[in-house]
């Protein structure tokens, strides 16, 4: 079960990362409502992905 949660965290991180990076670059989903929010969400998604990856590697 912990491996499934790590993989779920990585998938969610990838989706959020791509969604807000696309908004920052091409103004697709949210018409770049707030660029600072886009940057913060991209950073948070990267952090979540990194933490999920490190935890996944520690699993037996």
N, C-alpha and C. Protein backbone atom coordinates (compact mmCIF):
# COMPACT_ATOMS: atom_id res chain seq x y z
N UNK A 1 0.80 -1.21 0.00
CA UNK A 1 0.00 0.00 0.00
C UNK A 1 0.84 1.28 0.00
N UNK A 2 1.95 1.35 0.76
CA UNK A 2 2.75 2.58 0.73
C UNK A 2 3.32 2.90 -0.66
N UNK A 3 3.67 1.85 -1.43
CA UNK A 3 4.18 2.11 -2.78
C UNK A 3 3.10 2.74 -3.65
N UNK A 4 1.86 2.28 -3.49
CA UNK A 4 0.76 2.84 -4.27
C UNK A 4 0.54 4.31 -3.91
N UNK A 5 0.69 4.64 -2.64
CA UNK A 5 0.52 6.04 -2.24
C UNK A 5 1.65 6.91 -2.78
N UNK A 6 2.86 6.37 -2.81
CA UNK A 6 3.99 7.12 -3.39
C UNK A 6 3.77 7.35 -4.88
N UNK A 7 3.32 6.33 -5.59
CA UNK A 7 3.05 6.48 -7.02
C UNK A 7 1.91 7.47 -7.26
N UNK A 8 0.90 7.42 -6.42
CA UNK A 8 -0.21 8.37 -6.54
C UNK A 8 0.27 9.80 -6.33
N UNK A 9 1.14 9.99 -5.35
CA UNK A 9 1.72 11.31 -5.12
C UNK A 9 2.51 11.80 -6.30
N UNK A 10 3.27 10.90 -6.93
CA UNK A 10 4.05 11.30 -8.12
C UNK A 10 3.15 11.66 -9.29
N UNK A 11 2.09 10.88 -9.48
CA UNK A 11 1.16 11.17 -10.58
C UNK A 11 0.46 12.51 -10.36
N UNK A 12 0.03 12.76 -9.14
CA UNK A 12 -0.62 14.04 -8.82
C UNK A 12 0.35 15.19 -9.01
N UNK A 13 1.60 15.00 -8.60
CA UNK A 13 2.62 16.04 -8.77
C UNK A 13 2.84 16.35 -10.24
N UNK A 14 2.89 15.32 -11.07
CA UNK A 14 3.10 15.52 -12.51
C UNK A 14 1.92 16.27 -13.13
N UNK A 15 0.70 15.89 -12.75
CA UNK A 15 -0.49 16.55 -13.31
C UNK A 15 -0.53 18.02 -12.91
N UNK A 16 -0.31 18.30 -11.62
CA UNK A 16 -0.35 19.70 -11.15
C UNK A 16 0.78 20.50 -11.78
N UNK A 17 1.98 19.90 -11.87
CA UNK A 17 3.12 20.56 -12.48
C UNK A 17 2.83 20.96 -13.92
N UNK A 18 2.33 20.01 -14.71
CA UNK A 18 2.04 20.30 -16.11
C UNK A 18 0.91 21.30 -16.27
N UNK A 19 -0.12 21.18 -15.44
CA UNK A 19 -1.27 22.08 -15.53
C UNK A 19 -0.87 23.54 -15.31
N UNK A 20 -0.11 23.78 -14.24
CA UNK A 20 0.24 25.16 -13.93
C UNK A 20 1.41 25.67 -14.76
N UNK A 21 2.28 24.77 -15.22
CA UNK A 21 3.34 25.20 -16.14
C UNK A 21 2.74 25.60 -17.49
N UNK A 22 1.75 24.84 -17.95
CA UNK A 22 1.07 25.23 -19.19
C UNK A 22 0.37 26.57 -19.03
N UNK A 23 -0.25 26.80 -17.88
CA UNK A 23 -0.91 28.07 -17.65
C UNK A 23 0.10 29.20 -17.63
N UNK A 24 1.26 28.95 -17.06
CA UNK A 24 2.29 29.99 -17.00
C UNK A 24 2.86 30.30 -18.38
N UNK A 25 3.02 29.28 -19.20
CA UNK A 25 3.67 29.46 -20.51
C UNK A 25 2.67 29.86 -21.60
N UNK A 26 1.56 29.11 -21.72
CA UNK A 26 0.66 29.28 -22.85
C UNK A 26 -0.70 29.86 -22.50
N UNK A 27 -0.96 30.08 -21.22
CA UNK A 27 -2.25 30.62 -20.74
C UNK A 27 -3.44 29.73 -21.13
N UNK A 28 -3.25 28.39 -21.06
CA UNK A 28 -4.32 27.52 -21.53
C UNK A 28 -5.44 27.32 -20.52
N UNK A 29 -5.26 26.67 -19.37
CA UNK A 29 -6.45 26.35 -18.58
C UNK A 29 -7.04 27.52 -17.80
N UNK A 30 -6.22 28.41 -17.25
CA UNK A 30 -6.76 29.46 -16.37
C UNK A 30 -6.53 30.88 -16.89
N UNK A 31 -6.08 31.04 -18.10
CA UNK A 31 -5.80 32.33 -18.71
C UNK A 31 -4.87 33.19 -17.85
N UNK A 32 -3.89 32.53 -17.21
CA UNK A 32 -2.86 33.18 -16.38
C UNK A 32 -3.47 34.20 -15.44
N UNK A 33 -4.36 33.71 -14.57
CA UNK A 33 -5.03 34.58 -13.61
C UNK A 33 -4.04 35.25 -12.67
N UNK A 34 -3.06 34.48 -12.17
CA UNK A 34 -2.05 35.03 -11.27
C UNK A 34 -0.73 34.28 -11.49
N UNK A 35 0.24 34.90 -12.13
CA UNK A 35 1.50 34.21 -12.41
C UNK A 35 2.25 33.77 -11.16
N UNK A 36 2.14 34.53 -10.08
CA UNK A 36 2.82 34.14 -8.84
C UNK A 36 2.24 32.84 -8.32
N UNK A 37 0.92 32.68 -8.40
CA UNK A 37 0.28 31.44 -7.98
C UNK A 37 0.76 30.27 -8.85
N UNK A 38 0.92 30.51 -10.13
CA UNK A 38 1.41 29.46 -11.03
C UNK A 38 2.81 29.01 -10.62
N UNK A 39 3.67 29.96 -10.32
CA UNK A 39 5.04 29.62 -9.93
C UNK A 39 5.05 28.85 -8.61
N UNK A 40 4.24 29.28 -7.66
CA UNK A 40 4.17 28.60 -6.37
C UNK A 40 3.66 27.18 -6.53
N UNK A 41 2.64 26.98 -7.33
CA UNK A 41 2.12 25.63 -7.54
C UNK A 41 3.11 24.74 -8.28
N UNK A 42 3.85 25.30 -9.23
CA UNK A 42 4.88 24.52 -9.92
C UNK A 42 5.96 24.09 -8.94
N UNK A 43 6.38 24.99 -8.07
CA UNK A 43 7.39 24.64 -7.06
C UNK A 43 6.87 23.60 -6.07
N UNK A 44 5.62 23.76 -5.64
CA UNK A 44 5.03 22.79 -4.71
C UNK A 44 4.87 21.41 -5.36
N UNK A 45 4.49 21.39 -6.62
CA UNK A 45 4.36 20.11 -7.32
C UNK A 45 5.72 19.45 -7.49
N UNK A 46 6.73 20.23 -7.78
CA UNK A 46 8.09 19.68 -7.87
C UNK A 46 8.55 19.11 -6.54
N UNK A 47 8.24 19.80 -5.46
CA UNK A 47 8.60 19.32 -4.12
C UNK A 47 7.85 18.04 -3.79
N UNK A 48 6.57 17.99 -4.09
CA UNK A 48 5.79 16.78 -3.84
C UNK A 48 6.33 15.60 -4.65
N UNK A 49 6.67 15.86 -5.91
CA UNK A 49 7.23 14.80 -6.75
C UNK A 49 8.55 14.29 -6.20
N UNK A 50 9.41 15.21 -5.76
CA UNK A 50 10.70 14.82 -5.20
C UNK A 50 10.54 14.00 -3.92
N UNK A 51 9.67 14.45 -3.03
CA UNK A 51 9.44 13.74 -1.78
C UNK A 51 8.84 12.37 -2.05
N UNK A 52 7.91 12.29 -2.98
CA UNK A 52 7.30 10.99 -3.32
C UNK A 52 8.33 10.05 -3.92
N UNK A 53 9.20 10.57 -4.78
CA UNK A 53 10.24 9.74 -5.40
C UNK A 53 11.23 9.23 -4.35
N UNK A 54 11.66 10.09 -3.44
CA UNK A 54 12.60 9.67 -2.41
C UNK A 54 11.98 8.62 -1.48
N UNK A 55 10.72 8.80 -1.14
CA UNK A 55 10.03 7.82 -0.29
C UNK A 55 9.82 6.51 -1.03
N UNK A 56 9.51 6.57 -2.31
CA UNK A 56 9.34 5.36 -3.12
C UNK A 56 10.64 4.55 -3.18
N UNK A 57 11.76 5.25 -3.30
CA UNK A 57 13.04 4.55 -3.36
C UNK A 57 13.41 3.89 -2.02
N UNK A 58 12.90 4.42 -0.91
CA UNK A 58 13.21 3.85 0.40
C UNK A 58 12.36 2.63 0.73
N UNK A 59 11.29 2.41 -0.03
CA UNK A 59 10.42 1.26 0.24
C UNK A 59 11.14 -0.04 -0.10
N UNK A 60 10.85 -1.09 0.67
CA UNK A 60 11.47 -2.41 0.41
C UNK A 60 10.82 -3.13 -0.73
